[in-house]
C-alpha cells in the first residue's frame, strides 16, 4: 500500500492543527521532516523543517506503529500551529517525499476497515458521529461505534456456524443413523438467532429521519402569528412579520435542536381562499408541506374548508395568548408565553423519549437483517419438516452471507465507495 497524508483538522486559522500520515513510509516521512527517527509509541517535541533545512514550525510528533494504530498501519501525526502558511508548507514537503500521496476522502477509515480495526457498521457510525449535531445523534452513533450491533452479529455468526456444522455432519454421515437430536439442536440454534433479529427489528427505528431531521410545519389562517411564532421558537428573525395578512407566500424553514433531536421547522402561507395567483401558489405549497410533514401545528383553529385531512397527532395551538383569546395550549410569539409547553408537546408527539431508548438503525441494516431473518425462517421450516439437509444448509449460508455484507466482510466496492464518499479528507 502507498503511504497517504492529509490534514486531519478543519481548514482555517486555529491554535493547533494535525497532519496525519499512514502507511509503510510513515516513519520515514517523519524522519525526513524532523531529522529524527520517531520513537515507537512516543510523543516528542520536534522541529519541522523543509528539505533545504529551513524551519517551518516546532510542534509535537506522535508515532503509532502498526497494528496498534487507527488504520492498523504505521502512522504518525504532526501537531503544529494552525497557520495556513505552516499547513501549506508541511503538506508540500510531505508531497515531495517519495511513495507519499495525498489521501482521498475517508481513506484513513477505509484502511481501518481493510485492516480489521473497524467493521462497516462502525465505519458508518463514525461518519454519523462526525456529522452529529444533537445529543441524541451523538449517543446513537457512539452506541454503534462501540460495537453494540457488531458484537451481536458476531455472536449470531458463531451460533449459525455451529448449526451449520451439525447439519454438515448429517450430510457427511448420510449412510449412518444420525441422532434425531441433531436436527432439534440445529433448529433451536437457528430459532434463537431469528428471535434475536426479530427483537432487534421490532425494538428499533429508522435512523435516517434522525439524521435528516423531523419536519414540523406551522399552519393557520393569515395573520395568526405563524411568522412571529417561528421567530420566537428560533430565537432569531427567520421570517418577515407585518400586520398585513398574507405576508408569507413561500415556505420559510429553519433548523432547530429540541430535546436532542433535529427539527426542521417551517412557516407557511396563511390558509385561506384567494383570487391572488401568487397567494394561491403559496397556499398550495403550504398544503404540500403539511402532507409531507412529520407533525403539524395549527395556530388558531384547524381549517375545515381546506383539502387537508386531519391526523390524530396534529397539534391545535391557540394563537396570541397575550391577548387572552385562547384556551388550552396557547402561545404568544411576542411574550414567549406557552413556548416551553409547545416544545414539550412537540417532543411528546414525536415520541422523543422512545427514540432515546431504541436502537436506531440505518435502512440498510434493517433491510439486511430482514433478509437474514427470512433465510433463517426458511431454514427453520425446512428443519421442522426434515427436508433435505443441503437445502437447510444453503439457507443458513445465505443468512451468514448477508450478515457478512452488513459488517463489510464481503461488501462490493461500489457500496464501500458510496459509504466513504461522505467522509472528509483526513478521516
Protein backbone atom coordinates (compact mmCIF):
# COMPACT_ATOMS: atom_id res chain seq x y z
CA UNK A 1 0.00 0.00 0.00
CA UNK A 2 1.07 3.55 -0.64
CA UNK A 3 1.56 5.95 2.25
CA UNK A 4 -1.08 8.66 2.50
CA UNK A 5 -1.18 12.02 4.24
CA UNK A 6 -3.73 14.76 4.88
CA UNK A 7 -4.72 17.49 7.28
CA UNK A 8 -6.97 15.84 9.87
CA UNK A 9 -8.31 19.05 11.42
CA UNK A 10 -10.63 21.54 9.76
CA UNK A 11 -9.03 24.10 7.43
CA UNK A 12 -8.67 27.64 8.71
CA UNK A 13 -6.84 29.53 11.43
CA UNK A 14 -6.58 27.60 14.70
CA UNK A 15 -4.36 27.19 17.74
CA UNK A 16 -3.34 23.67 16.71
CA UNK A 17 -3.70 21.64 13.53
CA UNK A 18 -2.94 17.98 12.89
CA UNK A 19 -1.46 16.38 9.80
CA UNK A 20 -1.81 12.62 9.67
CA UNK A 21 0.42 10.17 7.76
CA UNK A 22 -0.31 6.44 7.44
CA UNK A 23 1.43 3.62 5.59
CA UNK A 24 4.75 1.81 5.30
CA UNK A 25 6.72 5.03 4.72
CA UNK A 26 5.13 6.98 7.58
CA UNK A 27 8.10 6.74 9.93
CA UNK A 28 10.49 7.57 7.07
CA UNK A 29 8.42 10.69 6.32
CA UNK A 30 8.64 11.74 9.97
CA UNK A 31 12.42 11.34 9.87
CA UNK A 32 12.65 13.42 6.69
CA UNK A 33 10.64 16.27 8.27
CA UNK A 34 12.17 16.22 11.77
CA UNK A 35 15.66 14.77 11.21
CA UNK A 36 14.99 12.12 13.88
CA UNK A 37 13.67 8.58 13.70
CA UNK A 38 10.35 8.54 15.58
CA UNK A 39 10.31 6.56 18.77
CA UNK A 40 7.73 3.80 18.93
CA UNK A 41 4.51 4.80 20.72
CA UNK A 42 6.02 8.13 21.71
CA UNK A 43 5.24 11.83 21.71
CA UNK A 44 8.13 14.23 21.28
CA UNK A 45 8.70 17.94 20.66
CA UNK A 46 10.37 18.34 17.28
CA UNK A 47 11.35 20.95 14.71
CA UNK A 48 9.61 20.55 11.37
CA UNK A 49 11.90 21.57 8.50
CA UNK A 50 11.88 21.89 4.73
CA UNK A 51 14.19 19.75 2.62
CA UNK A 52 16.64 22.72 2.46
CA UNK A 53 16.78 22.85 6.26
CA UNK A 54 14.59 25.94 6.77
CA UNK A 55 12.47 25.77 9.91
CA UNK A 56 8.72 25.54 9.24
CA UNK A 57 7.44 25.16 12.80
CA UNK A 58 8.01 23.44 16.12
CA UNK A 59 5.40 21.04 17.41
CA UNK A 60 4.58 17.56 18.64
CA UNK A 61 5.28 14.37 16.70
CA UNK A 62 3.19 11.35 17.68
CA UNK A 63 4.05 7.87 16.43
CA UNK A 64 1.75 4.83 16.26
CA UNK A 65 3.39 1.64 15.00
CA UNK A 66 1.04 -0.81 13.27
CA UNK A 67 -1.08 -2.66 14.02
CA UNK A 68 -1.66 -0.53 17.14
CA UNK A 69 -2.97 2.50 15.28
CA UNK A 70 -6.30 3.75 13.97
CA UNK A 71 -5.57 2.41 10.46
CA UNK A 72 -3.65 -0.66 11.59
CA UNK A 73 -0.56 0.65 9.77
CA UNK A 74 2.49 2.61 10.86
CA UNK A 75 1.15 6.12 11.43
CA UNK A 76 2.48 9.49 12.59
CA UNK A 77 0.82 12.78 13.38
CA UNK A 78 2.35 16.25 13.17
CA UNK A 79 0.71 18.58 15.71
CA UNK A 80 1.63 22.06 14.55
CA UNK A 81 0.33 25.60 14.86
CA UNK A 82 -2.88 26.15 12.94
CA UNK A 83 -1.43 28.63 10.48
CA UNK A 84 -2.40 28.39 6.81
CA UNK A 85 1.25 29.00 5.86
CA UNK A 86 2.55 26.27 8.20
CA UNK A 87 -0.02 23.74 6.96
CA UNK A 88 0.73 24.56 3.33
CA UNK A 89 4.49 24.14 3.81
CA UNK A 90 4.19 20.87 5.70
CA UNK A 91 1.81 19.35 3.17
CA UNK A 92 4.09 20.47 0.33
CA UNK A 93 7.13 18.86 1.99
CA UNK A 94 5.26 15.60 2.54
CA UNK A 95 4.17 15.60 -1.08
CA UNK A 96 7.84 15.79 -2.14
CA UNK A 97 8.73 12.59 -0.30
CA UNK A 98 8.83 9.50 -2.49
CA UNK A 99 6.00 6.98 -2.04
CA UNK A 100 3.72 9.52 -0.32
CA UNK A 101 0.48 10.75 -1.81
CA UNK A 102 -2.46 12.89 -0.62
CA UNK A 103 -5.31 10.90 0.94
CA UNK A 104 -8.74 10.61 -0.65
CA UNK A 105 -11.86 11.35 1.42
CA UNK A 106 -12.31 8.68 4.07
CA UNK A 107 -9.15 6.81 3.05
CA UNK A 108 -7.75 6.55 6.58
CA UNK A 109 -11.01 5.00 7.79
CA UNK A 110 -11.18 2.75 4.75
CA UNK A 111 -7.77 1.35 5.67
CA UNK A 112 -9.03 0.79 9.21
CA UNK A 113 -11.82 -1.34 7.68
CA UNK A 114 -9.42 -3.24 5.44
CA UNK A 115 -7.11 -3.94 8.38
CA UNK A 116 -9.98 -5.15 10.63
CA UNK A 117 -9.71 -2.23 13.04
CA UNK A 118 -13.35 -1.35 12.37
CA UNK A 119 -16.22 -3.12 10.64
CA UNK A 120 -18.59 -1.40 8.22
CA UNK A 121 -21.25 -0.74 10.87
CA UNK A 122 -18.65 1.04 13.00
CA UNK A 123 -17.35 2.94 9.96
CA UNK A 124 -20.82 4.31 9.22
CA UNK A 125 -21.31 5.07 12.93
CA UNK A 126 -18.06 7.03 12.86
CA UNK A 127 -19.41 9.08 9.95
CA UNK A 128 -22.61 9.70 11.92
CA UNK A 129 -20.59 10.78 14.94
CA UNK A 130 -18.64 13.30 12.88
CA UNK A 131 -21.90 14.69 11.48
CA UNK A 132 -23.78 14.62 14.82
CA UNK A 133 -25.34 17.94 15.75
CA UNK A 134 -27.57 16.86 18.64
CA UNK A 135 -27.00 14.86 21.81
CA UNK A 136 -29.28 12.04 20.65
CA UNK A 137 -27.40 11.74 17.34
CA UNK A 138 -24.11 11.59 19.24
CA UNK A 139 -25.32 8.93 21.68
CA UNK A 140 -26.77 6.72 18.96
CA UNK A 141 -23.58 6.99 16.87
CA UNK A 142 -21.42 6.14 19.90
CA UNK A 143 -23.61 3.14 20.67
CA UNK A 144 -22.99 1.60 17.24
CA UNK A 145 -19.33 2.71 17.16
CA UNK A 146 -18.72 0.95 20.48
CA UNK A 147 -19.86 -2.32 18.88
CA UNK A 148 -23.39 -2.87 20.24
CA UNK A 149 -24.67 -4.22 16.91
CA UNK A 150 -21.35 -5.63 15.68
CA UNK A 151 -20.97 -7.84 18.75
CA UNK A 152 -24.48 -9.21 18.28
CA UNK A 153 -23.75 -10.02 14.64
CA UNK A 154 -20.55 -11.85 15.60
CA UNK A 155 -22.43 -13.92 18.20
CA UNK A 156 -25.13 -14.74 15.61
CA UNK A 157 -22.47 -15.85 13.13
CA UNK A 158 -20.89 -18.17 15.72
CA UNK A 159 -24.28 -19.75 16.53
CA UNK A 160 -25.20 -20.21 12.87
CA UNK A 161 -21.82 -21.73 12.06
CA UNK A 162 -22.38 -24.22 14.89
CA UNK A 163 -25.83 -25.08 13.46
CA UNK A 164 -24.27 -25.44 10.03
CA UNK A 165 -21.63 -27.83 11.37
CA UNK A 166 -24.34 -30.04 12.89
CA UNK A 167 -26.18 -30.21 9.58
CA UNK A 168 -22.96 -30.85 7.66
CA UNK A 169 -22.42 -33.87 9.91
CA UNK A 170 -25.73 -35.35 8.76
CA UNK A 171 -24.59 -34.89 5.15
CA UNK A 172 -21.13 -36.41 5.74
CA UNK A 173 -22.59 -39.42 7.53
CA UNK A 174 -25.77 -39.80 5.50
CA UNK A 175 -25.26 -43.59 5.32
CA UNK A 176 -25.41 -43.85 9.09
CA UNK A 177 -28.17 -43.20 11.57
CA UNK A 178 -27.80 -39.60 12.74
CA UNK A 179 -29.46 -38.97 16.12
CA UNK A 180 -32.71 -37.00 15.92
CA UNK A 181 -31.28 -34.59 18.48
CA UNK A 182 -29.01 -33.17 15.77
CA UNK A 183 -31.99 -31.77 13.87
CA UNK A 184 -33.52 -30.41 17.06
CA UNK A 185 -30.26 -28.81 18.21
CA UNK A 186 -29.71 -27.18 14.83
CA UNK A 187 -33.30 -25.94 14.77
CA UNK A 188 -33.01 -24.47 18.28
CA UNK A 189 -29.84 -22.58 17.27
CA UNK A 190 -31.43 -21.15 14.13
CA UNK A 191 -34.57 -20.19 16.04
CA UNK A 192 -32.57 -18.41 18.76
CA UNK A 193 -30.81 -16.19 16.20
CA UNK A 194 -34.02 -15.49 14.32
CA UNK A 195 -35.77 -14.43 17.54
CA UNK A 196 -32.94 -12.06 18.44
CA UNK A 197 -33.03 -10.48 14.99
CA UNK A 198 -36.81 -10.09 15.23
CA UNK A 199 -36.45 -8.42 18.63
CA UNK A 200 -33.84 -6.02 17.24
CA UNK A 201 -36.10 -5.10 14.33
CA UNK A 202 -39.24 -4.69 16.46
CA UNK A 203 -37.45 -2.56 19.07
CA UNK A 204 -35.63 -0.30 16.65
CA UNK A 205 -36.48 2.62 14.43
CA UNK A 206 -35.03 4.03 11.23
CA UNK A 207 -32.16 6.38 11.96
CA UNK A 208 -32.45 8.13 8.60
CA UNK A 209 -35.05 10.53 9.98
CA UNK A 210 -32.81 11.30 12.95
CA UNK A 211 -30.04 12.35 10.55
CA UNK A 212 -32.32 14.33 8.22
CA UNK A 213 -34.38 15.97 10.93
CA UNK A 214 -38.11 15.83 11.69
CA UNK A 215 -40.25 18.22 9.67
CA UNK A 216 -42.67 20.31 11.76
CA UNK A 217 -44.98 22.65 9.85
CA UNK A 218 -46.82 25.64 11.32
CA UNK A 219 -50.21 26.14 9.66
CA UNK A 220 -53.06 28.53 10.20
CA UNK A 221 -55.05 31.41 8.72
CA UNK A 222 -53.38 34.65 7.58
CA UNK A 223 -52.18 36.96 10.35
CA UNK A 224 -52.49 34.25 13.03
CA UNK A 225 -48.92 34.90 14.20
CA UNK A 226 -47.17 31.98 12.46
CA UNK A 227 -44.11 34.01 11.41
CA UNK A 228 -43.85 35.63 14.85
CA UNK A 229 -44.02 32.15 16.39
CA UNK A 230 -41.25 30.66 14.23
CA UNK A 231 -39.04 33.67 15.03
CA UNK A 232 -39.69 33.20 18.75
CA UNK A 233 -39.00 29.46 18.62
CA UNK A 234 -35.80 30.08 16.64
CA UNK A 235 -34.60 32.98 18.84
CA UNK A 236 -33.88 34.95 15.66
CA UNK A 237 -35.68 36.60 12.77
CA UNK A 238 -36.09 33.95 10.08
CA UNK A 239 -39.41 35.20 8.71
CA UNK A 240 -40.76 38.65 7.83
CA UNK A 241 -43.56 39.79 10.12
CA UNK A 242 -46.05 42.57 9.32
CA UNK A 243 -49.65 43.36 10.31
CA UNK A 244 -50.62 42.80 6.67
CA UNK A 245 -52.36 39.42 6.14
CA UNK A 246 -50.68 37.18 3.55
CA UNK A 247 -47.11 38.45 4.05
CA UNK A 248 -45.66 34.92 3.92
CA UNK A 249 -46.01 33.46 0.44
CA UNK A 250 -43.33 30.76 0.37
CA UNK A 251 -42.02 28.11 2.78
CA UNK A 252 -39.61 29.56 5.36
CA UNK A 253 -37.53 26.83 7.04
CA UNK A 254 -35.08 26.82 9.94
CA UNK A 255 -33.12 24.03 11.64
CA UNK A 256 -33.50 23.63 15.41
CA UNK A 257 -32.41 21.24 18.16
CA UNK A 258 -35.23 20.32 20.52
CA UNK A 259 -34.72 17.75 23.25
CA UNK A 260 -31.68 16.38 21.44
CA UNK A 261 -33.36 15.75 18.10
CA UNK A 262 -33.03 17.81 14.89
CA UNK A 263 -36.16 19.69 13.85
CA UNK A 264 -36.86 21.35 10.52
CA UNK A 265 -39.44 23.99 11.50
CA UNK A 266 -41.41 25.53 8.63
CA UNK A 267 -43.51 28.66 8.38
CA UNK A 268 -46.16 28.63 5.64
CA UNK A 269 -48.58 30.87 3.83
CA UNK A 270 -51.90 31.54 5.57
CA UNK A 271 -54.59 29.01 4.63
CA UNK A 272 -57.49 30.76 3.00
CA UNK A 273 -59.27 31.03 -0.35
CA UNK A 274 -57.93 33.78 -2.54
CA UNK A 275 -58.10 35.19 -6.06
CA UNK A 276 -54.44 36.26 -5.89
CA UNK A 277 -52.44 33.90 -8.12
CA UNK A 278 -49.25 34.22 -6.01
CA UNK A 279 -51.14 33.63 -2.77
CA UNK A 280 -52.85 30.58 -4.28
CA UNK A 281 -49.42 29.12 -5.08
CA UNK A 282 -48.30 29.83 -1.52
CA UNK A 283 -51.32 28.02 -0.09
CA UNK A 284 -50.68 25.05 -2.40
CA UNK A 285 -47.08 24.89 -1.15
CA UNK A 286 -48.30 25.05 2.46
CA UNK A 287 -50.68 22.14 1.88
CA UNK A 288 -47.96 20.10 0.14
CA UNK A 289 -45.56 20.70 3.05
CA UNK A 290 -48.29 19.75 5.53
CA UNK A 291 -48.97 16.47 3.73
CA UNK A 292 -45.28 15.51 3.94
CA UNK A 293 -44.67 16.76 7.49
CA UNK A 294 -43.98 14.53 10.47
CA UNK A 295 -46.00 16.89 12.67
CA UNK A 296 -48.37 19.80 12.00
CA UNK A 297 -49.02 22.68 14.35
CA UNK A 298 -52.29 24.51 13.66
CA UNK A 299 -52.07 28.01 15.06
CA UNK A 300 -55.61 29.10 15.72
CA UNK A 301 -58.37 26.79 14.55
CA UNK A 302 -57.82 23.89 12.21
CA UNK A 303 -59.38 24.94 8.88
CA UNK A 304 -62.29 22.80 7.75
CA UNK A 305 -62.52 24.22 4.26
CA UNK A 306 -59.08 23.07 3.04
CA UNK A 307 -58.36 19.72 1.35
CA UNK A 308 -56.16 18.59 4.23
CA UNK A 309 -57.33 15.52 6.21
CA UNK A 310 -56.65 15.79 9.92
CA UNK A 311 -54.27 13.49 11.78
CA UNK A 312 -54.51 12.21 15.32
CA UNK A 313 -51.13 13.73 16.23
CA UNK A 314 -51.93 17.22 14.88
CA UNK A 315 -51.35 19.94 17.48
CA UNK A 316 -54.06 22.60 17.77
CA UNK A 317 -52.48 25.62 19.46
CA UNK A 318 -54.22 28.81 20.47
CA UNK A 319 -52.76 31.98 18.94
CA UNK A 320 -51.84 35.32 20.53
CA UNK A 321 -52.13 34.15 24.13
CA UNK A 322 -51.00 37.58 25.29
CA UNK A 323 -54.39 38.93 24.16
CA UNK A 324 -56.27 36.29 26.14
CA UNK A 325 -58.04 34.91 23.09
CA UNK A 326 -57.34 31.21 23.56
CA UNK A 327 -57.92 28.31 25.91
CA UNK A 328 -55.89 25.15 26.49
CA UNK A 329 -52.43 25.09 24.93
CA UNK A 330 -51.85 28.58 23.61
CA UNK A 331 -48.77 30.59 22.77
CA UNK A 332 -47.59 34.10 22.18
CA UNK A 333 -44.64 34.72 19.92
CA UNK A 334 -44.39 38.25 21.31
CA UNK A 335 -44.19 37.47 25.03
CA UNK A 336 -42.93 33.88 24.90
CA UNK A 337 -45.94 32.60 26.81
CA UNK A 338 -46.55 28.88 26.18
CA UNK A 339 -43.38 28.29 24.14
CA UNK A 340 -41.88 25.81 26.64
CA UNK A 341 -45.17 23.90 26.76
CA UNK A 342 -45.30 23.83 22.95
CA UNK A 343 -41.77 22.42 22.70
CA UNK A 344 -42.68 19.73 25.24
CA UNK A 345 -45.87 18.88 23.32
CA UNK A 346 -43.88 18.54 20.08
CA UNK A 347 -41.37 16.25 21.81
CA UNK A 348 -44.21 14.06 23.10
CA UNK A 349 -45.86 13.87 19.68
CA UNK A 350 -42.55 12.82 18.09
CA UNK A 351 -42.00 10.30 20.89
CA UNK A 352 -38.55 11.63 21.75
CA UNK A 353 -38.47 9.52 24.91
CA UNK A 354 -38.92 6.35 22.87
CA UNK A 355 -36.19 7.41 20.44
CA UNK A 356 -33.62 7.70 23.22
CA UNK A 357 -34.30 4.13 24.38
CA UNK A 358 -34.36 2.40 21.00
CA UNK A 359 -31.54 1.31 18.74
CA UNK A 360 -31.75 3.47 15.63
CA UNK A 361 -30.76 1.51 12.54
CA UNK A 362 -29.99 2.68 9.05
CA UNK A 363 -32.43 1.40 6.44
CA UNK A 364 -29.58 -0.70 5.02
CA UNK A 365 -29.22 -2.51 8.32
CA UNK A 366 -32.94 -3.12 8.63
CA UNK A 367 -33.15 -4.49 5.08
CA UNK A 368 -30.19 -6.83 5.61
CA UNK A 369 -31.48 -8.09 8.95
CA UNK A 370 -34.93 -8.67 7.43
CA UNK A 371 -33.37 -10.69 4.62
CA UNK A 372 -31.34 -12.76 7.09
CA UNK A 373 -34.49 -13.38 9.13
CA UNK A 374 -36.31 -14.63 6.02
CA UNK A 375 -33.45 -17.04 5.23
CA UNK A 376 -33.48 -18.35 8.79
CA UNK A 377 -37.27 -18.70 8.69
CA UNK A 378 -36.98 -20.87 5.58
CA UNK A 379 -34.21 -22.91 7.24
CA UNK A 380 -36.29 -23.37 10.38
CA UNK A 381 -39.30 -24.55 8.40
CA UNK A 382 -37.15 -27.00 6.44
CA UNK A 383 -35.68 -28.37 9.68
CA UNK A 384 -39.12 -28.85 11.23
CA UNK A 385 -40.25 -30.77 8.13
CA UNK A 386 -36.99 -32.77 7.97
CA UNK A 387 -36.33 -31.67 4.40
CA UNK A 388 -33.05 -32.04 2.53
CA UNK A 389 -30.07 -31.13 4.74
CA UNK A 390 -28.32 -29.38 1.89
CA UNK A 391 -31.32 -27.08 1.37
CA UNK A 392 -31.28 -26.12 5.05
CA UNK A 393 -27.53 -25.52 4.96
CA UNK A 394 -27.91 -23.29 1.91
CA UNK A 395 -30.45 -21.08 3.69
CA UNK A 396 -28.14 -20.72 6.70
CA UNK A 397 -25.21 -19.87 4.42
CA UNK A 398 -27.36 -17.22 2.74
CA UNK A 399 -28.09 -15.68 6.16
CA UNK A 400 -24.39 -15.72 7.00
CA UNK A 401 -23.59 -14.06 3.69
CA UNK A 402 -25.95 -11.11 4.22
CA UNK A 403 -24.68 -10.66 7.79
CA UNK A 404 -21.14 -10.56 6.39
CA UNK A 405 -22.33 -7.89 3.94
CA UNK A 406 -23.69 -5.86 6.84
CA UNK A 407 -20.35 -5.67 8.65
CA UNK A 408 -18.33 -5.29 5.45
CA UNK A 409 -16.60 -8.65 5.05
CA UNK A 410 -17.95 -9.19 1.53
CA UNK A 411 -19.28 -5.75 0.65
CA UNK A 412 -18.84 -4.79 -3.05
CA UNK A 413 -16.53 -1.88 -3.82
CA UNK A 414 -19.36 0.31 -5.14
CA UNK A 415 -21.10 0.11 -1.76
CA UNK A 416 -17.85 1.00 0.01
CA UNK A 417 -17.28 3.90 -2.40
CA UNK A 418 -20.72 5.24 -1.55
CA UNK A 419 -20.07 4.95 2.20
CA UNK A 420 -16.69 6.68 2.12
CA UNK A 421 -17.72 9.41 -0.33
CA UNK A 422 -19.41 11.24 2.57
CA UNK A 423 -16.24 11.30 4.69
CA UNK A 424 -13.97 14.30 4.88
CA UNK A 425 -10.34 14.22 3.78
CA UNK A 426 -8.12 13.37 6.75
CA UNK A 427 -10.54 10.86 8.29
